Amino acid sequence: MIMNSNKEVMKMEVKEQIVLDAMKEAGKPMRPGEIAEITGLDKDEVSKIIRELEKEGKLVSPRRCFYAPAEK
């Protein structure tokens, strides 16, 4: 059971990185639907990833429904 959980965490980290990379490459704030289209991930999954990245301080929302990588 623990190995399954570790695999799921790893998958989520990979997907988070895919989302971040797509946003960085675009160079502009994006909507979840745009990110889903570019990455091939499900829109609902992208929304979930965005919420998590926002909690972690890795994303910001410069305007309603648009997201961009946080400046570090």
PDB file of N, CA and C in Angstrom:
ATOM      1  N   MET A   1       0.820  -1.207   0.000  1.00  0.00           N
ATOM      2  CA  MET A   1       0.000   0.000   0.000  1.00  0.00           C
ATOM      3  C   MET A   1       0.863   1.271   0.000  1.00  0.00           C
ATOM      4  N   ILE A   2       1.927   1.274   0.756  1.00  0.00           N
ATOM      5  CA  ILE A   2       2.767   2.453   0.825  1.00  0.00           C
ATOM      6  C   ILE A   2       3.389   2.735  -0.540  1.00  0.00           C
ATOM      7  N   MET A   3       3.803   1.690  -1.257  1.00  0.00           N
ATOM      8  CA  MET A   3       4.406   1.893  -2.570  1.00  0.00           C
ATOM      9  C   MET A   3       3.418   2.535  -3.531  1.00  0.00           C
ATOM     10  N   ASN A   4       2.153   2.108  -3.490  1.00  0.00           N
ATOM     11  CA  ASN A   4       1.131   2.714  -4.337  1.00  0.00           C
ATOM     12  C   ASN A   4       1.014   4.201  -4.052  1.00  0.00           C
ATOM     13  N   SER A   5       0.995   4.550  -2.774  1.00  0.00           N
ATOM     14  CA  SER A   5       0.885   5.942  -2.372  1.00  0.00           C
ATOM     15  C   SER A   5       2.088   6.739  -2.875  1.00  0.00           C
ATOM     16  N   ASN A   6       3.281   6.170  -2.775  1.00  0.00           N
ATOM     17  CA  ASN A   6       4.482   6.848  -3.262  1.00  0.00           C
ATOM     18  C   ASN A   6       4.424   7.065  -4.763  1.00  0.00           C
ATOM     19  N   LYS A   7       3.905   6.080  -5.496  1.00  0.00           N
ATOM     20  CA  LYS A   7       3.776   6.216  -6.950  1.00  0.00           C
ATOM     21  C   LYS A   7       2.801   7.332  -7.300  1.00  0.00           C
ATOM     22  N   GLU A   8       1.698   7.410  -6.544  1.00  0.00           N
ATOM     23  CA  GLU A   8       0.710   8.458  -6.801  1.00  0.00           C
ATOM     24  C   GLU A   8       1.298   9.831  -6.536  1.00  0.00           C
ATOM     25  N   VAL A   9       2.079   9.951  -5.465  1.00  0.00           N
ATOM     26  CA  VAL A   9       2.725  11.224  -5.148  1.00  0.00           C
ATOM     27  C   VAL A   9       3.694  11.593  -6.259  1.00  0.00           C
ATOM     28  N   MET A  10       4.468  10.615  -6.727  1.00  0.00           N
ATOM     29  CA  MET A  10       5.421  10.873  -7.797  1.00  0.00           C
ATOM     30  C   MET A  10       4.692  11.299  -9.072  1.00  0.00           C
ATOM     31  N   LYS A  11       3.598  10.629  -9.406  1.00  0.00           N
ATOM     32  CA  LYS A  11       2.826  10.984 -10.594  1.00  0.00           C
ATOM     33  C   LYS A  11       2.334  12.423 -10.486  1.00  0.00           C
ATOM     34  N   MET A  12       1.840  12.793  -9.294  1.00  0.00           N
ATOM     35  CA  MET A  12       1.317  14.144  -9.095  1.00  0.00           C
ATOM     36  C   MET A  12       2.443  15.166  -9.241  1.00  0.00           C
ATOM     37  N   GLU A  13       3.618  14.866  -8.697  1.00  0.00           N
ATOM     38  CA  GLU A  13       4.752  15.782  -8.828  1.00  0.00           C
ATOM     39  C   GLU A  13       5.136  15.962 -10.300  1.00  0.00           C
ATOM     40  N   VAL A  14       5.098  14.885 -11.056  1.00  0.00           N
ATOM     41  CA  VAL A  14       5.421  14.957 -12.494  1.00  0.00           C
ATOM     42  C   VAL A  14       4.381  15.816 -13.205  1.00  0.00           C
ATOM     43  N   LYS A  15       3.126  15.611 -12.891  1.00  0.00           N
ATOM     44  CA  LYS A  15       2.058  16.387 -13.526  1.00  0.00           C
ATOM     45  C   LYS A  15       2.151  17.859 -13.136  1.00  0.00           C
ATOM     46  N   GLU A  16       2.493  18.122 -11.869  1.00  0.00           N
ATOM     47  CA  GLU A  16       2.670  19.508 -11.437  1.00  0.00           C
ATOM     48  C   GLU A  16       3.782  20.171 -12.256  1.00  0.00           C
ATOM     49  N   GLN A  17       4.861  19.447 -12.463  1.00  0.00           N
ATOM     50  CA  GLN A  17       5.982  19.995 -13.230  1.00  0.00           C
ATOM     51  C   GLN A  17       5.584  20.224 -14.678  1.00  0.00           C
ATOM     52  N   ILE A  18       4.795  19.319 -15.240  1.00  0.00           N
ATOM     53  CA  ILE A  18       4.311  19.478 -16.619  1.00  0.00           C
ATOM     54  C   ILE A  18       3.493  20.767 -16.733  1.00  0.00           C
ATOM     55  N   VAL A  19       2.614  20.992 -15.763  1.00  0.00           N
ATOM     56  CA  VAL A  19       1.778  22.203 -15.763  1.00  0.00           C
ATOM     57  C   VAL A  19       2.648  23.449 -15.635  1.00  0.00           C
ATOM     58  N   LEU A  20       3.575  23.433 -14.682  1.00  0.00           N
ATOM     59  CA  LEU A  20       4.469  24.589 -14.498  1.00  0.00           C
ATOM     60  C   LEU A  20       5.294  24.869 -15.749  1.00  0.00           C
ATOM     61  N   ASP A  21       5.829  23.824 -16.349  1.00  0.00           N
ATOM     62  CA  ASP A  21       6.646  23.990 -17.556  1.00  0.00           C
ATOM     63  C   ASP A  21       5.829  24.591 -18.698  1.00  0.00           C
ATOM     64  N   ALA A  22       4.603  24.124 -18.862  1.00  0.00           N
ATOM     65  CA  ALA A  22       3.734  24.645 -19.931  1.00  0.00           C
ATOM     66  C   ALA A  22       3.454  26.125 -19.713  1.00  0.00           C
ATOM     67  N   MET A  23       3.227  26.502 -18.453  1.00  0.00           N
ATOM     68  CA  MET A  23       2.940  27.903 -18.140  1.00  0.00           C
ATOM     69  C   MET A  23       4.174  28.778 -18.353  1.00  0.00           C
ATOM     70  N   LYS A  24       5.322  28.282 -17.949  1.00  0.00           N
ATOM     71  CA  LYS A  24       6.567  29.044 -18.142  1.00  0.00           C
ATOM     72  C   LYS A  24       6.850  29.232 -19.628  1.00  0.00           C
ATOM     73  N   GLU A  25       6.631  28.185 -20.395  1.00  0.00           N
ATOM     74  CA  GLU A  25       6.879  28.249 -21.839  1.00  0.00           C
ATOM     75  C   GLU A  25       5.940  29.239 -22.524  1.00  0.00           C
ATOM     76  N   ALA A  26       4.691  29.287 -22.058  1.00  0.00           N
ATOM     77  CA  ALA A  26       3.722  30.209 -22.651  1.00  0.00           C
ATOM     78  C   ALA A  26       4.109  31.663 -22.367  1.00  0.00           C
ATOM     79  N   GLY A  27       4.697  31.906 -21.205  1.00  0.00           N
ATOM     80  CA  GLY A  27       5.152  33.247 -20.867  1.00  0.00           C
ATOM     81  C   GLY A  27       4.061  34.248 -20.576  1.00  0.00           C
ATOM     82  N   LYS A  28       2.868  33.761 -20.287  1.00  0.00           N
ATOM     83  CA  LYS A  28       1.744  34.649 -19.980  1.00  0.00           C
ATOM     84  C   LYS A  28       0.787  33.919 -19.048  1.00  0.00           C
ATOM     85  N   PRO A  29      -0.028  34.657 -18.291  1.00  0.00           N
ATOM     86  CA  PRO A  29      -1.034  33.999 -17.452  1.00  0.00           C
ATOM     87  C   PRO A  29      -1.995  33.178 -18.316  1.00  0.00           C
ATOM     88  N   MET A  30      -2.378  32.023 -17.802  1.00  0.00           N
ATOM     89  CA  MET A  30      -3.223  31.109 -18.576  1.00  0.00           C
ATOM     90  C   MET A  30      -4.412  30.618 -17.775  1.00  0.00           C
ATOM     91  N   ARG A  31      -5.437  30.211 -18.489  1.00  0.00           N
ATOM     92  CA  ARG A  31      -6.616  29.599 -17.875  1.00  0.00           C
ATOM     93  C   ARG A  31      -6.404  28.091 -17.812  1.00  0.00           C
ATOM     94  N   PRO A  32      -7.073  27.421 -16.867  1.00  0.00           N
ATOM     95  CA  PRO A  32      -6.928  25.962 -16.762  1.00  0.00           C
ATOM     96  C   PRO A  32      -7.234  25.218 -18.064  1.00  0.00           C
ATOM     97  N   GLY A  33      -8.231  25.667 -18.800  1.00  0.00           N
ATOM     98  CA  GLY A  33      -8.583  25.016 -20.061  1.00  0.00           C
ATOM     99  C   GLY A  33      -7.463  25.078 -21.090  1.00  0.00           C
ATOM    100  N   GLU A  34      -6.778  26.217 -21.140  1.00  0.00           N
ATOM    101  CA  GLU A  34      -5.644  26.373 -22.057  1.00  0.00           C
ATOM    102  C   GLU A  34      -4.511  25.424 -21.681  1.00  0.00           C
ATOM    103  N   ILE A  35      -4.260  25.341 -20.376  1.00  0.00           N
ATOM    104  CA  ILE A  35      -3.197  24.470 -19.881  1.00  0.00           C
ATOM    105  C   ILE A  35      -3.532  23.017 -20.204  1.00  0.00           C
ATOM    106  N   ALA A  36      -4.780  22.642 -20.010  1.00  0.00           N
ATOM    107  CA  ALA A  36      -5.214  21.277 -20.308  1.00  0.00           C
ATOM    108  C   ALA A  36      -5.014  20.961 -21.786  1.00  0.00           C
ATOM    109  N   GLU A  37      -5.363  21.915 -22.639  1.00  0.00           N
ATOM    110  CA  GLU A  37      -5.228  21.725 -24.086  1.00  0.00           C
ATOM    111  C   GLU A  37      -3.758  21.522 -24.481  1.00  0.00           C
ATOM    112  N   ILE A  38      -2.884  22.325 -23.921  1.00  0.00           N
ATOM    113  CA  ILE A  38      -1.460  22.256 -24.253  1.00  0.00           C
ATOM    114  C   ILE A  38      -0.813  20.976 -23.728  1.00  0.00           C
ATOM    115  N   THR A  39      -1.171  20.595 -22.487  1.00  0.00           N
ATOM    116  CA  THR A  39      -0.510  19.457 -21.834  1.00  0.00           C
ATOM    117  C   THR A  39      -1.149  18.118 -22.154  1.00  0.00           C
ATOM    118  N   GLY A  40      -2.409  18.136 -22.581  1.00  0.00           N
ATOM    119  CA  GLY A  40      -3.114  16.880 -22.828  1.00  0.00           C
ATOM    120  C   GLY A  40      -3.708  16.279 -21.560  1.00  0.00           C
ATOM    121  N   LEU A  41      -3.608  17.009 -20.443  1.00  0.00           N
ATOM    122  CA  LEU A  41      -4.197  16.541 -19.188  1.00  0.00           C
ATOM    123  C   LEU A  41      -5.670  16.932 -19.144  1.00  0.00           C
ATOM    124  N   ASP A  42      -6.432  16.233 -18.324  1.00  0.00           N
ATOM    125  CA  ASP A  42      -7.844  16.529 -18.135  1.00  0.00           C
ATOM    126  C   ASP A  42      -8.002  17.889 -17.457  1.00  0.00           C
ATOM    127  N   LYS A  43      -8.988  18.677 -17.883  1.00  0.00           N
ATOM    128  CA  LYS A  43      -9.190  20.024 -17.338  1.00  0.00           C
ATOM    129  C   LYS A  43      -9.421  19.999 -15.822  1.00  0.00           C
ATOM    130  N   ASP A  44     -10.213  19.039 -15.347  1.00  0.00           N
ATOM    131  CA  ASP A  44     -10.466  18.950 -13.908  1.00  0.00           C
ATOM    132  C   ASP A  44      -9.184  18.629 -13.143  1.00  0.00           C
ATOM    133  N   GLU A  45      -8.348  17.788 -13.733  1.00  0.00           N
ATOM    134  CA  GLU A  45      -7.083  17.441 -13.106  1.00  0.00           C
ATOM    135  C   GLU A  45      -6.156  18.662 -13.077  1.00  0.00           C
ATOM    136  N   VAL A  46      -6.152  19.438 -14.145  1.00  0.00           N
ATOM    137  CA  VAL A  46      -5.348  20.659 -14.193  1.00  0.00           C
ATOM    138  C   VAL A  46      -5.824  21.624 -13.109  1.00  0.00           C
ATOM    139  N   SER A  47      -7.121  21.758 -12.932  1.00  0.00           N
ATOM    140  CA  SER A  47      -7.657  22.646 -11.896  1.00  0.00           C
ATOM    141  C   SER A  47      -7.204  22.200 -10.508  1.00  0.00           C
ATOM    142  N   LYS A  48      -7.213  20.905 -10.284  1.00  0.00           N
ATOM    143  CA  LYS A  48      -6.761  20.354  -8.994  1.00  0.00           C
ATOM    144  C   LYS A  48      -5.271  20.650  -8.786  1.00  0.00           C
ATOM    145  N   ILE A  49      -4.480  20.458  -9.824  1.00  0.00           N
ATOM    146  CA  ILE A  49      -3.040  20.723  -9.751  1.00  0.00           C
ATOM    147  C   ILE A  49      -2.799  22.208  -9.486  1.00  0.00           C
ATOM    148  N   ILE A  50      -3.541  23.071 -10.144  1.00  0.00           N
ATOM    149  CA  ILE A  50      -3.400  24.513  -9.951  1.00  0.00           C
ATOM    150  C   ILE A  50      -3.696  24.881  -8.497  1.00  0.00           C
ATOM    151  N   ARG A  51      -4.759  24.341  -7.928  1.00  0.00           N
ATOM    152  CA  ARG A  51      -5.086  24.626  -6.526  1.00  0.00           C
ATOM    153  C   ARG A  51      -3.932  24.232  -5.613  1.00  0.00           C
ATOM    154  N   GLU A  52      -3.358  23.062  -5.862  1.00  0.00           N
ATOM    155  CA  GLU A  52      -2.251  22.575  -5.038  1.00  0.00           C
ATOM    156  C   GLU A  52      -1.009  23.466  -5.206  1.00  0.00           C
ATOM    157  N   LEU A  53      -0.687  23.812  -6.434  1.00  0.00           N
ATOM    158  CA  LEU A  53       0.475  24.667  -6.688  1.00  0.00           C
ATOM    159  C   LEU A  53       0.282  26.059  -6.079  1.00  0.00           C
ATOM    160  N   GLU A  54      -0.942  26.536  -6.096  1.00  0.00           N
ATOM    161  CA  GLU A  54      -1.236  27.840  -5.509  1.00  0.00           C
ATOM    162  C   GLU A  54      -1.044  27.797  -3.983  1.00  0.00           C
ATOM    163  N   LYS A  55      -1.509  26.708  -3.362  1.00  0.00           N
ATOM    164  CA  LYS A  55      -1.314  26.516  -1.910  1.00  0.00           C
ATOM    165  C   LYS A  55       0.169  26.496  -1.559  1.00  0.00           C
ATOM    166  N   GLU A  56       0.971  25.866  -2.425  1.00  0.00           N
ATOM    167  CA  GLU A  56       2.408  25.742  -2.199  1.00  0.00           C
ATOM    168  C   GLU A  56       3.164  27.032  -2.536  1.00  0.00           C
ATOM    169  N   GLY A  57       2.467  28.019  -3.056  1.00  0.00           N
ATOM    170  CA  GLY A  57       3.097  29.292  -3.395  1.00  0.00           C
ATOM    171  C   GLY A  57       3.858  29.271  -4.705  1.00  0.00           C
ATOM    172  N   LYS A  58       3.618  28.256  -5.527  1.00  0.00           N
ATOM    173  CA  LYS A  58       4.331  28.140  -6.800  1.00  0.00           C
ATOM    174  C   LYS A  58       3.606  28.840  -7.946  1.00  0.00           C
ATOM    175  N   LEU A  59       2.332  29.173  -7.726  1.00  0.00           N
ATOM    176  CA  LEU A  59       1.530  29.870  -8.728  1.00  0.00           C
ATOM    177  C   LEU A  59       0.878  31.088  -8.110  1.00  0.00           C
ATOM    178  N   VAL A  60       0.604  32.065  -8.954  1.00  0.00           N
ATOM    179  CA  VAL A  60      -0.170  33.233  -8.545  1.00  0.00           C
ATOM    180  C   VAL A  60      -1.312  33.414  -9.545  1.00  0.00           C
ATOM    181  N   SER A  61      -2.318  34.153  -9.113  1.00  0.00           N
ATOM    182  CA  SER A  61      -3.436  34.458  -9.987  1.00  0.00           C
ATOM    183  C   SER A  61      -3.478  35.976 -10.176  1.00  0.00           C
ATOM    184  N   PRO A  62      -2.867  36.474 -11.274  1.00  0.00           N
ATOM    185  CA  PRO A  62      -2.823  37.915 -11.485  1.00  0.00           C
ATOM    186  C   PRO A  62      -4.191  38.526 -11.786  1.00  0.00           C
ATOM    187  N   ARG A  63      -5.100  37.711 -12.272  1.00  0.00           N
ATOM    188  CA  ARG A  63      -6.495  38.139 -12.463  1.00  0.00           C
ATOM    189  C   ARG A  63      -7.375  36.900 -12.417  1.00  0.00           C
ATOM    190  N   ARG A  64      -8.648  37.109 -12.209  1.00  0.00           N
ATOM    191  CA  ARG A  64      -9.591  36.018 -11.999  1.00  0.00           C
ATOM    192  C   ARG A  64      -9.493  34.949 -13.097  1.00  0.00           C
ATOM    193  N   CYS A  65      -9.325  33.703 -12.652  1.00  0.00           N
ATOM    194  CA  CYS A  65      -9.299  32.524 -13.529  1.00  0.00           C
ATOM    195  C   CYS A  65      -8.046  32.420 -14.404  1.00  0.00           C
ATOM    196  N   PHE A  66      -7.058  33.231 -14.181  1.00  0.00           N
ATOM    197  CA  PHE A  66      -5.793  33.145 -14.898  1.00  0.00           C
ATOM    198  C   PHE A  66      -4.682  32.873 -13.896  1.00  0.00           C
ATOM    199  N   TYR A  67      -3.730  32.057 -14.290  1.00  0.00           N
ATOM    200  CA  TYR A  67      -2.662  31.658 -13.382  1.00  0.00           C
ATOM    201  C   TYR A  67      -1.306  31.765 -14.078  1.00  0.00           C
ATOM    202  N   ALA A  68      -0.296  32.047 -13.264  1.00  0.00           N
ATOM    203  CA  ALA A  68       1.062  32.165 -13.769  1.00  0.00           C
ATOM    204  C   ALA A  68       2.029  31.674 -12.698  1.00  0.00           C
ATOM    205  N   PRO A  69       3.212  31.210 -13.104  1.00  0.00           N
ATOM    206  CA  PRO A  69       4.200  30.784 -12.113  1.00  0.00           C
ATOM    207  C   PRO A  69       4.587  31.951 -11.217  1.00  0.00           C
ATOM    208  N   ALA A  70       4.787  31.673  -9.943  1.00  0.00           N
ATOM    209  CA  ALA A  70       5.197  32.710  -9.000  1.00  0.00           C
ATOM    210  C   ALA A  70       6.642  33.102  -9.299  1.00  0.00           C
ATOM    211  N   GLU A  71       6.938  34.362  -9.156  1.00  0.00           N
ATOM    212  CA  GLU A  71       8.302  34.864  -9.351  1.00  0.00           C
ATOM    213  C   GLU A  71       9.138  34.446  -8.157  1.00  0.00           C
ATOM    214  N   LYS A  72      10.287  33.872  -8.407  1.00  0.00           N
ATOM    215  CA  LYS A  72      11.165  33.451  -7.302  1.00  0.00           C
ATOM    216  C   LYS A  72      12.504  34.091  -7.480  1.00  0.00           C
TER     217      LYS A  72
END
